[in-house]
Amino acid sequence: VGPCCFMSLLGFSISDDTVLSSQVAVGCLCTFAEGTAVAQLFPYALRMITQMQGSHDAALYAGLLQSCNFLGVMLTANWWAYCGVRWGNHNTLKFSLGLTACCQLACALVASFPVLVGFCLLRGMLNGTYQLSRANLRKSHLKRKLNDTKCFSMVSMALGASMMIGAAWSGITYGTGAPLLLPWTVPFAVAAAVD
C-alpha cells in the first residue's frame, strides 16, 4: 500500500488491481510473520522448559507455553476489530505489530517460566494482525465486488510456509549466539525482527 501511495504522489496512475495486489501481499506478509513467530517455539519448547522448570511435567508446561499466545489472541479479538473500525485497520495494524514485536523481544531475554508465560499471553493479547489484515482484505474485495477465494488461499499458503520455515530456522538457531545469551534468545529475537 505504501509504494502505491508514493507512486500516486509522483503523478502515476494506480490501478485498482495494483492496490488490491499490494493489500494481498501485506496480508500474506503479516500472516507469514505471525506464523513464523508462533512456530519458532515448537522444536525447542521441551528443552527450554526442562532448563527453566526441570523435567517434571515438562510436557504440561510446554503445552501451557504454546497455548497462551492463542488464548491471548482469542481474548482480545473483538477489541482489535473494534479498534480497526474506530481508528482504521492500517494504523491499528502498525500499532499492533510494534507491540507484538516488543513482547517477542522481551521473551528472548526472560529466564523465568512464569514471566515467559505472561509475556507470551501478553503478546497474544496485543496481536491484532490476524483480525485486522483479514478484515482489510475482505473489505477491499467486497468494495470491488470481487471473489476473495484466491486471496485467502494465498494467505493460507503463507501461513503454511511460515509454520515450516519458523520451526526449521528456530531448531537450527537454538543455542547459537554469545555464551552470555540464553539458548532461546536468538530464535525469539529473529522472530521479533520478522514480526
Protein backbone atom coordinates (compact mmCIF):
# COMPACT_ATOMS: atom_id res chain seq x y z
CA VAL A 1 0.00 0.00 0.00
CA GLY A 2 2.88 2.36 0.82
CA PRO A 3 4.50 2.10 -2.66
CA CYS A 4 1.11 2.74 -4.26
CA CYS A 5 0.67 5.94 -2.23
CA PHE A 6 4.18 7.09 -3.16
CA MET A 7 3.58 6.41 -6.86
CA SER A 8 0.29 8.32 -6.82
CA LEU A 9 2.05 11.32 -5.20
CA LEU A 10 4.53 11.29 -8.07
CA GLY A 11 1.65 11.52 -10.54
CA PHE A 12 1.47 7.90 -11.68
CA SER A 13 -1.99 6.44 -12.05
CA ILE A 14 -2.56 3.42 -9.85
CA SER A 15 -5.00 0.79 -10.94
CA ASP A 16 -7.37 -0.92 -8.54
CA ASP A 17 -5.61 -4.20 -9.33
CA THR A 18 -2.26 -2.80 -8.15
CA VAL A 19 -3.74 -1.56 -4.88
CA LEU A 20 -5.53 -4.86 -4.28
CA SER A 21 -2.39 -6.86 -5.10
CA SER A 22 -0.36 -4.81 -2.62
CA GLN A 23 -3.02 -5.37 0.05
CA VAL A 24 -2.90 -9.12 -0.58
CA ALA A 25 0.90 -9.01 -0.32
CA VAL A 26 0.70 -7.17 3.02
CA GLY A 27 -1.86 -9.70 4.27
CA CYS A 28 0.44 -12.56 3.28
CA LEU A 29 3.45 -10.91 4.95
CA CYS A 30 1.53 -10.31 8.19
CA THR A 31 0.34 -13.91 8.19
CA PHE A 32 3.85 -15.17 7.44
CA ALA A 33 5.34 -13.13 10.29
CA GLU A 34 2.68 -14.32 12.74
CA GLY A 35 3.07 -17.99 11.79
CA THR A 36 6.85 -17.79 11.98
CA ALA A 37 6.75 -16.22 15.44
CA VAL A 38 4.40 -18.89 16.76
CA ALA A 39 6.06 -21.90 15.10
CA GLN A 40 9.57 -20.98 16.20
CA LEU A 41 8.80 -22.36 19.66
CA PHE A 42 7.88 -25.89 18.50
CA PRO A 43 11.34 -27.51 18.10
CA TYR A 44 12.86 -26.50 21.41
CA ALA A 45 9.93 -25.91 23.80
CA LEU A 46 10.56 -29.07 25.84
CA ARG A 47 14.28 -28.41 26.12
CA MET A 48 13.65 -24.82 27.18
CA ILE A 49 11.05 -25.86 29.76
CA THR A 50 13.38 -28.52 31.17
CA GLN A 51 16.10 -25.91 31.57
CA MET A 52 13.70 -23.46 33.29
CA GLN A 53 11.48 -25.78 35.35
CA GLY A 54 13.16 -29.15 35.40
CA SER A 55 11.93 -32.30 33.69
CA HIS A 56 8.92 -32.90 35.97
CA ASP A 57 5.72 -32.19 33.96
CA ALA A 58 7.72 -30.59 31.11
CA ALA A 59 5.10 -31.60 28.52
CA LEU A 60 2.35 -29.91 30.53
CA TYR A 61 4.38 -26.71 30.82
CA ALA A 62 5.26 -26.79 27.11
CA GLY A 63 1.58 -27.08 26.24
CA LEU A 64 0.78 -24.16 28.52
CA LEU A 65 3.51 -22.05 26.96
CA GLN A 66 2.45 -22.83 23.40
CA SER A 67 -1.25 -22.23 24.02
CA CYS A 68 -1.05 -18.98 25.99
CA ASN A 69 -0.35 -16.93 22.83
CA PHE A 70 -3.51 -18.25 21.18
CA LEU A 71 -5.50 -17.69 24.37
CA GLY A 72 -4.42 -14.05 24.33
CA VAL A 73 -5.48 -13.68 20.69
CA MET A 74 -8.92 -15.10 21.48
CA LEU A 75 -9.38 -12.83 24.50
CA THR A 76 -8.82 -9.62 22.55
CA ALA A 77 -10.06 -10.44 19.03
CA ASN A 78 -13.22 -8.35 19.32
CA TRP A 79 -11.32 -5.46 20.87
CA TRP A 80 -8.86 -5.36 17.95
CA ALA A 81 -11.76 -5.47 15.49
CA TYR A 82 -13.34 -2.51 17.32
CA CYS A 83 -10.03 -0.60 17.19
CA GLY A 84 -9.72 -1.33 13.48
CA VAL A 85 -13.16 0.16 12.84
CA ARG A 86 -12.55 3.13 15.12
CA TRP A 87 -9.02 4.15 14.06
CA GLY A 88 -8.63 2.34 10.74
CA ASN A 89 -7.23 -1.09 10.08
CA HIS A 90 -3.93 0.21 8.71
CA ASN A 91 -2.98 2.36 11.72
CA THR A 92 -4.20 -0.22 14.20
CA LEU A 93 -2.26 -2.96 12.39
CA LYS A 94 1.00 -0.97 12.59
CA PHE A 95 0.42 -0.31 16.29
CA SER A 96 -0.30 -3.99 16.96
CA LEU A 97 2.77 -5.14 15.02
CA GLY A 98 5.03 -2.84 17.03
CA LEU A 99 3.66 -4.01 20.37
CA THR A 100 3.83 -7.66 19.34
CA ALA A 101 7.47 -7.33 18.25
CA CYS A 102 8.38 -5.71 21.60
CA CYS A 103 6.77 -8.58 23.53
CA GLN A 104 8.53 -11.14 21.33
CA LEU A 105 11.85 -9.44 22.02
CA ALA A 106 11.11 -9.41 25.76
CA CYS A 107 10.52 -13.18 25.58
CA ALA A 108 14.05 -13.57 24.21
CA LEU A 109 15.54 -12.19 27.40
CA VAL A 110 13.43 -13.95 30.04
CA ALA A 111 14.79 -16.89 32.05
CA SER A 112 11.78 -17.36 34.35
CA PHE A 113 8.96 -19.62 33.19
CA PRO A 114 6.04 -17.72 34.80
CA VAL A 115 7.32 -14.43 33.37
CA LEU A 116 7.74 -16.03 29.94
CA VAL A 117 4.15 -17.35 30.05
CA GLY A 118 3.00 -13.85 30.99
CA PHE A 119 4.86 -12.27 28.07
CA CYS A 120 3.52 -14.90 25.65
CA LEU A 121 -0.03 -14.25 26.86
CA LEU A 122 0.52 -10.50 26.57
CA ARG A 123 1.96 -10.98 23.09
CA GLY A 124 -1.19 -12.80 22.06
CA MET A 125 -3.40 -10.13 23.59
CA LEU A 126 -1.52 -7.36 21.76
CA ASN A 127 -1.61 -9.26 18.48
CA GLY A 128 -4.35 -7.99 16.21
CA THR A 129 -2.70 -8.87 12.90
CA TYR A 130 -4.89 -11.88 12.23
CA GLN A 131 -8.15 -9.99 12.59
CA LEU A 132 -7.04 -6.70 11.07
CA SER A 133 -5.25 -7.97 7.97
CA ARG A 134 -8.08 -10.34 7.07
CA ALA A 135 -10.76 -7.73 7.72
CA ASN A 136 -8.90 -5.32 5.45
CA LEU A 137 -8.65 -7.91 2.68
CA ARG A 138 -12.31 -8.85 2.99
CA LYS A 139 -13.41 -5.21 2.93
CA SER A 140 -11.29 -4.48 -0.15
CA HIS A 141 -12.78 -7.42 -2.04
CA LEU A 142 -16.34 -6.57 -1.03
CA LYS A 143 -15.84 -2.94 -2.08
CA ARG A 144 -14.76 -4.06 -5.54
CA LYS A 145 -17.38 -6.87 -5.67
CA LEU A 146 -14.66 -9.46 -6.29
CA ASN A 147 -14.34 -13.07 -5.22
CA ASP A 148 -11.81 -13.36 -2.38
CA THR A 149 -11.17 -17.11 -2.62
CA LYS A 150 -7.79 -16.78 -4.35
CA CYS A 151 -6.71 -14.05 -1.93
CA PHE A 152 -7.43 -16.09 1.18
CA SER A 153 -5.88 -19.18 -0.41
CA MET A 154 -2.65 -17.20 -0.79
CA VAL A 155 -2.87 -16.07 2.85
CA SER A 156 -3.33 -19.70 3.93
CA MET A 157 -0.31 -20.74 1.86
CA ALA A 158 1.74 -18.01 3.57
CA LEU A 159 0.69 -19.39 6.95
CA GLY A 160 1.67 -22.94 5.96
CA ALA A 161 5.05 -21.81 4.66
CA SER A 162 5.72 -19.79 7.79
CA MET A 163 4.98 -22.77 10.03
CA MET A 164 7.59 -24.85 8.22
CA ILE A 165 10.20 -22.13 7.99
CA GLY A 166 9.70 -20.86 11.56
CA ALA A 167 10.14 -24.30 13.05
CA ALA A 168 13.14 -25.09 10.82
CA TRP A 169 15.23 -21.97 11.45
CA SER A 170 14.50 -21.90 15.16
CA GLY A 171 15.63 -25.51 15.51
CA ILE A 172 18.84 -24.58 13.73
CA THR A 173 19.49 -21.37 15.69
CA TYR A 174 18.56 -22.65 19.16
CA GLY A 175 21.65 -22.49 21.34
CA THR A 176 23.64 -20.29 18.97
CA GLY A 177 24.87 -16.86 19.93
CA ALA A 178 27.15 -15.43 22.56
CA PRO A 179 27.86 -17.53 25.66
CA LEU A 180 26.09 -14.97 27.86
CA LEU A 181 22.82 -15.30 25.93
CA LEU A 182 20.07 -17.74 26.80
CA PRO A 183 19.79 -20.61 24.29
CA TRP A 184 16.40 -19.32 23.07
CA THR A 185 17.46 -15.68 22.68
CA VAL A 186 18.41 -15.92 19.00
CA PRO A 187 15.19 -17.65 17.80
CA PHE A 188 12.97 -15.26 19.78
CA ALA A 189 14.97 -12.21 18.63
CA VAL A 190 14.78 -13.25 14.98
CA ALA A 191 11.03 -13.83 15.38
CA ALA A 192 10.75 -10.30 16.79
CA ALA A 193 12.63 -8.94 13.79
CA VAL A 194 10.36 -10.82 11.38
CA ASP A 195 7.30 -9.67 13.29
